[in-house]
Amino acid sequence: MKQAEVADRVVHEHTELQEYMLQWEAALMRFQDGSPTESQIALAHLWRLVPYLDKELPRHFRVEEEELFPVVEARHPESTQALVHFLVEHAEFARQWRDYKHALLYCDAVGKTETACERGLWLVGQLRRHIREEEDALLPLLEVA
C-alpha cells in the first residue's frame, strides 16, 4: 500500500473512531447525570457500542501496527522510540478496554455508575489524545519530501 493510501486510511479510521467516541462520551454523560430512566437508556446505548469497539479498536491497532508503523520506520529509523510508545499504548488501551467492560458489567449488576463512568470518560480522553499524537507525530513522516 502506498504511503498516501496508508495515511488516508488511518485518518479515515480515526475520524470514524472519533464519531463513535462522541456517542460513547454522550452516553456516559447521560448515564452519569441523567434520571434513573435516562441512565437506563444510556446504559443500553453503551452496551450497543461495545460490539463495535470490541471489534474495531483491535482491528484498527493491527492496521496501524502492520501498515503504518512499518512504513514510518522504513523511512525514518529514528522514529522507533515513538513507534514503541504507540505500541505500548495500544496494549494498554486493550487492557483498559477490558477493565471498562468489567466495570460496565458490575454497574449493570449492582447499579453503581461511578467506576464505569470514570473509566469510560478517561478512556475516551486517552484515545483522543492518542489519535492526536499519532497524527501529529507519524503522519507528517509519510509526506513526500
C-alpha atoms as a PDB file:
ATOM      1  CA  MET A   1       0.000   0.000   0.000  1.00  0.00           C
ATOM      2  CA  LYS A   2       1.330   3.449  -0.908  1.00  0.00           C
ATOM      3  CA  GLN A   3       2.239   5.942   1.799  1.00  0.00           C
ATOM      4  CA  ALA A   4      -0.594   8.319   0.892  1.00  0.00           C
ATOM      5  CA  GLU A   5      -3.091   5.443   0.963  1.00  0.00           C
ATOM      6  CA  VAL A   6      -1.849   4.362   4.387  1.00  0.00           C
ATOM      7  CA  ALA A   7      -2.174   7.908   5.729  1.00  0.00           C
ATOM      8  CA  ASP A   8      -5.655   8.334   4.194  1.00  0.00           C
ATOM      9  CA  ARG A   9      -6.824   5.027   5.656  1.00  0.00           C
ATOM     10  CA  VAL A  10      -5.551   5.873   9.141  1.00  0.00           C
ATOM     11  CA  VAL A  11      -7.129   9.352   9.067  1.00  0.00           C
ATOM     12  CA  HIS A  12     -10.426   7.904   7.808  1.00  0.00           C
ATOM     13  CA  GLU A  13     -10.460   5.312  10.592  1.00  0.00           C
ATOM     14  CA  HIS A  14      -9.520   7.914  13.199  1.00  0.00           C
ATOM     15  CA  THR A  15     -12.427  10.068  12.025  1.00  0.00           C
ATOM     16  CA  GLU A  16     -14.807   7.123  12.320  1.00  0.00           C
ATOM     17  CA  LEU A  17     -13.491   6.272  15.790  1.00  0.00           C
ATOM     18  CA  GLN A  18     -13.907   9.912  16.852  1.00  0.00           C
ATOM     19  CA  GLU A  19     -17.580   9.771  15.809  1.00  0.00           C
ATOM     20  CA  TYR A  20     -18.134   6.675  17.943  1.00  0.00           C
ATOM     21  CA  MET A  21     -16.264   8.297  20.829  1.00  0.00           C
ATOM     22  CA  LEU A  22     -18.672  11.264  20.668  1.00  0.00           C
ATOM     23  CA  GLN A  23     -21.587   8.828  21.037  1.00  0.00           C
ATOM     24  CA  TRP A  24     -19.763   6.954  23.784  1.00  0.00           C
ATOM     25  CA  GLU A  25     -18.983  10.133  25.718  1.00  0.00           C
ATOM     26  CA  ALA A  26     -22.542  11.477  25.341  1.00  0.00           C
ATOM     27  CA  ALA A  27     -23.981   8.180  26.589  1.00  0.00           C
ATOM     28  CA  LEU A  28     -21.569   8.188  29.540  1.00  0.00           C
ATOM     29  CA  MET A  29     -22.614  11.723  30.470  1.00  0.00           C
ATOM     30  CA  ARG A  30     -26.343  10.827  30.251  1.00  0.00           C
ATOM     31  CA  PHE A  31     -25.614   7.684  32.236  1.00  0.00           C
ATOM     32  CA  GLN A  32     -23.812   9.650  34.932  1.00  0.00           C
ATOM     33  CA  ASP A  33     -26.048  12.709  35.168  1.00  0.00           C
ATOM     34  CA  GLY A  34     -29.462  11.557  33.969  1.00  0.00           C
ATOM     35  CA  SER A  35     -32.565  10.470  35.755  1.00  0.00           C
ATOM     36  CA  PRO A  36     -32.875   6.753  36.507  1.00  0.00           C
ATOM     37  CA  THR A  37     -34.816   6.264  33.252  1.00  0.00           C
ATOM     38  CA  GLU A  38     -32.280   8.268  31.227  1.00  0.00           C
ATOM     39  CA  SER A  39     -29.464   6.315  32.860  1.00  0.00           C
ATOM     40  CA  GLN A  40     -31.038   3.010  31.845  1.00  0.00           C
ATOM     41  CA  ILE A  41     -31.451   4.230  28.256  1.00  0.00           C
ATOM     42  CA  ALA A  42     -27.829   5.447  28.265  1.00  0.00           C
ATOM     43  CA  LEU A  43     -26.623   2.134  29.684  1.00  0.00           C
ATOM     44  CA  ALA A  44     -28.402   0.286  26.878  1.00  0.00           C
ATOM     45  CA  HIS A  45     -26.722   2.609  24.365  1.00  0.00           C
ATOM     46  CA  LEU A  46     -23.321   1.988  25.966  1.00  0.00           C
ATOM     47  CA  TRP A  47     -23.858  -1.751  25.591  1.00  0.00           C
ATOM     48  CA  ARG A  48     -24.821  -1.266  21.916  1.00  0.00           C
ATOM     49  CA  LEU A  49     -21.454   0.448  21.342  1.00  0.00           C
ATOM     50  CA  VAL A  50     -19.454  -2.388  22.920  1.00  0.00           C
ATOM     51  CA  PRO A  51     -19.540  -4.861  19.980  1.00  0.00           C
ATOM     52  CA  TYR A  52     -18.350  -2.210  17.527  1.00  0.00           C
ATOM     53  CA  LEU A  53     -15.495  -1.070  19.779  1.00  0.00           C
ATOM     54  CA  ASP A  54     -14.665  -4.675  20.728  1.00  0.00           C
ATOM     55  CA  LYS A  55     -14.046  -5.378  17.067  1.00  0.00           C
ATOM     56  CA  GLU A  56     -12.857  -2.026  15.772  1.00  0.00           C
ATOM     57  CA  LEU A  57     -10.211  -0.997  18.319  1.00  0.00           C
ATOM     58  CA  PRO A  58      -8.064  -4.163  17.973  1.00  0.00           C
ATOM     59  CA  ARG A  59      -8.559  -4.200  14.190  1.00  0.00           C
ATOM     60  CA  HIS A  60      -7.553  -0.554  13.895  1.00  0.00           C
ATOM     61  CA  PHE A  61      -4.499  -1.062  16.093  1.00  0.00           C
ATOM     62  CA  ARG A  62      -3.470  -4.006  13.874  1.00  0.00           C
ATOM     63  CA  VAL A  63      -3.811  -1.843  10.754  1.00  0.00           C
ATOM     64  CA  GLU A  64      -1.546   0.773  12.286  1.00  0.00           C
ATOM     65  CA  GLU A  65       0.972  -1.793  13.520  1.00  0.00           C
ATOM     66  CA  GLU A  66       1.059  -3.746  10.241  1.00  0.00           C
ATOM     67  CA  GLU A  67       0.707  -0.945   7.694  1.00  0.00           C
ATOM     68  CA  LEU A  68       1.507   2.470   9.183  1.00  0.00           C
ATOM     69  CA  PHE A  69       4.326   1.667  11.590  1.00  0.00           C
ATOM     70  CA  PRO A  70       6.495  -0.348   9.148  1.00  0.00           C
ATOM     71  CA  VAL A  71       6.271   2.392   6.511  1.00  0.00           C
ATOM     72  CA  VAL A  72       7.205   5.083   9.037  1.00  0.00           C
ATOM     73  CA  GLU A  73      10.073   3.018  10.452  1.00  0.00           C
ATOM     74  CA  ALA A  74      11.436   2.202   6.980  1.00  0.00           C
ATOM     75  CA  ARG A  75      11.526   5.871   6.014  1.00  0.00           C
ATOM     76  CA  HIS A  76      12.552   7.189   9.440  1.00  0.00           C
ATOM     77  CA  PRO A  77      14.557   4.701  11.533  1.00  0.00           C
ATOM     78  CA  GLU A  78      14.869   7.358  14.240  1.00  0.00           C
ATOM     79  CA  SER A  79      11.119   7.005  14.840  1.00  0.00           C
ATOM     80  CA  THR A  80      11.484   3.603  16.543  1.00  0.00           C
ATOM     81  CA  GLN A  81      11.121   5.024  20.053  1.00  0.00           C
ATOM     82  CA  ALA A  82       7.884   6.824  19.133  1.00  0.00           C
ATOM     83  CA  LEU A  83       6.541   3.687  17.454  1.00  0.00           C
ATOM     84  CA  VAL A  84       7.310   1.606  20.538  1.00  0.00           C
ATOM     85  CA  HIS A  85       5.477   4.220  22.622  1.00  0.00           C
ATOM     86  CA  PHE A  86       2.364   3.858  20.428  1.00  0.00           C
ATOM     87  CA  LEU A  87       2.615   0.043  20.527  1.00  0.00           C
ATOM     88  CA  VAL A  88       2.705   0.151  24.322  1.00  0.00           C
ATOM     89  CA  GLU A  89      -0.308   2.456  24.337  1.00  0.00           C
ATOM     90  CA  HIS A  90      -2.207   0.054  22.065  1.00  0.00           C
ATOM     91  CA  ALA A  91      -1.596  -2.759  24.544  1.00  0.00           C
ATOM     92  CA  GLU A  92      -2.592  -0.510  27.452  1.00  0.00           C
ATOM     93  CA  PHE A  93      -5.803   0.528  25.677  1.00  0.00           C
ATOM     94  CA  ALA A  94      -6.695  -3.139  25.180  1.00  0.00           C
ATOM     95  CA  ARG A  95      -6.241  -3.727  28.912  1.00  0.00           C
ATOM     96  CA  GLN A  96      -8.152  -0.581  29.869  1.00  0.00           C
ATOM     97  CA  TRP A  97     -10.976  -1.525  27.486  1.00  0.00           C
ATOM     98  CA  ARG A  98     -11.322  -4.908  29.227  1.00  0.00           C
ATOM     99  CA  ASP A  99     -11.373  -3.149  32.623  1.00  0.00           C
ATOM    100  CA  TYR A 100     -14.020  -0.742  31.376  1.00  0.00           C
ATOM    101  CA  LYS A 101     -16.247  -3.605  30.200  1.00  0.00           C
ATOM    102  CA  HIS A 102     -15.868  -5.276  33.608  1.00  0.00           C
ATOM    103  CA  ALA A 103     -16.866  -2.008  35.288  1.00  0.00           C
ATOM    104  CA  LEU A 104     -19.861  -1.736  32.950  1.00  0.00           C
ATOM    105  CA  LEU A 105     -20.919  -5.292  33.846  1.00  0.00           C
ATOM    106  CA  TYR A 106     -20.561  -4.512  37.554  1.00  0.00           C
ATOM    107  CA  CYS A 107     -22.583  -1.370  37.093  1.00  0.00           C
ATOM    108  CA  ASP A 108     -25.263  -3.261  35.210  1.00  0.00           C
ATOM    109  CA  ALA A 109     -25.465  -5.828  38.019  1.00  0.00           C
ATOM    110  CA  VAL A 110     -25.155  -3.545  41.055  1.00  0.00           C
ATOM    111  CA  GLY A 111     -26.236  -0.152  39.794  1.00  0.00           C
ATOM    112  CA  LYS A 112     -23.129   1.813  40.818  1.00  0.00           C
ATOM    113  CA  THR A 113     -22.261   4.084  37.896  1.00  0.00           C
ATOM    114  CA  GLU A 114     -19.155   5.898  39.174  1.00  0.00           C
ATOM    115  CA  THR A 115     -16.431   3.444  38.178  1.00  0.00           C
ATOM    116  CA  ALA A 116     -17.856   2.726  34.725  1.00  0.00           C
ATOM    117  CA  CYS A 117     -18.307   6.432  34.015  1.00  0.00           C
ATOM    118  CA  GLU A 118     -14.863   7.394  35.305  1.00  0.00           C
ATOM    119  CA  ARG A 119     -13.119   4.623  33.356  1.00  0.00           C
ATOM    120  CA  GLY A 120     -15.135   5.284  30.232  1.00  0.00           C
ATOM    121  CA  LEU A 121     -14.549   9.048  30.232  1.00  0.00           C
ATOM    122  CA  TRP A 122     -10.858   8.543  30.998  1.00  0.00           C
ATOM    123  CA  LEU A 123     -10.553   6.050  28.134  1.00  0.00           C
ATOM    124  CA  VAL A 124     -12.321   8.378  25.674  1.00  0.00           C
ATOM    125  CA  GLY A 125      -9.932  11.188  26.642  1.00  0.00           C
ATOM    126  CA  GLN A 126      -6.868   8.979  26.322  1.00  0.00           C
ATOM    127  CA  LEU A 127      -7.956   7.640  22.932  1.00  0.00           C
ATOM    128  CA  ARG A 128      -8.486  11.201  21.672  1.00  0.00           C
ATOM    129  CA  ARG A 129      -5.037  12.194  22.891  1.00  0.00           C
ATOM    130  CA  HIS A 130      -3.511   9.078  21.336  1.00  0.00           C
ATOM    131  CA  ILE A 131      -5.120   9.748  17.958  1.00  0.00           C
ATOM    132  CA  ARG A 132      -3.983  13.379  18.006  1.00  0.00           C
ATOM    133  CA  GLU A 133      -0.418  12.403  18.931  1.00  0.00           C
ATOM    134  CA  GLU A 134      -0.248   9.706  16.253  1.00  0.00           C
ATOM    135  CA  GLU A 135      -1.494  12.090  13.603  1.00  0.00           C
ATOM    136  CA  ASP A 136       0.878  14.846  14.731  1.00  0.00           C
ATOM    137  CA  ALA A 137       3.947  12.618  15.117  1.00  0.00           C
ATOM    138  CA  LEU A 138       3.594   9.945  12.436  1.00  0.00           C
ATOM    139  CA  LEU A 139       1.516  11.200   9.518  1.00  0.00           C
ATOM    140  CA  PRO A 140       3.889  14.062   8.639  1.00  0.00           C
ATOM    141  CA  LEU A 141       6.646  11.427   8.282  1.00  0.00           C
ATOM    142  CA  LEU A 142       4.708   9.903   5.390  1.00  0.00           C
ATOM    143  CA  GLU A 143       4.669  13.104   3.386  1.00  0.00           C
ATOM    144  CA  VAL A 144       6.832  13.066   0.295  1.00  0.00           C
ATOM    145  CA  ALA A 145       9.891  15.232   0.765  1.00  0.00           C
END
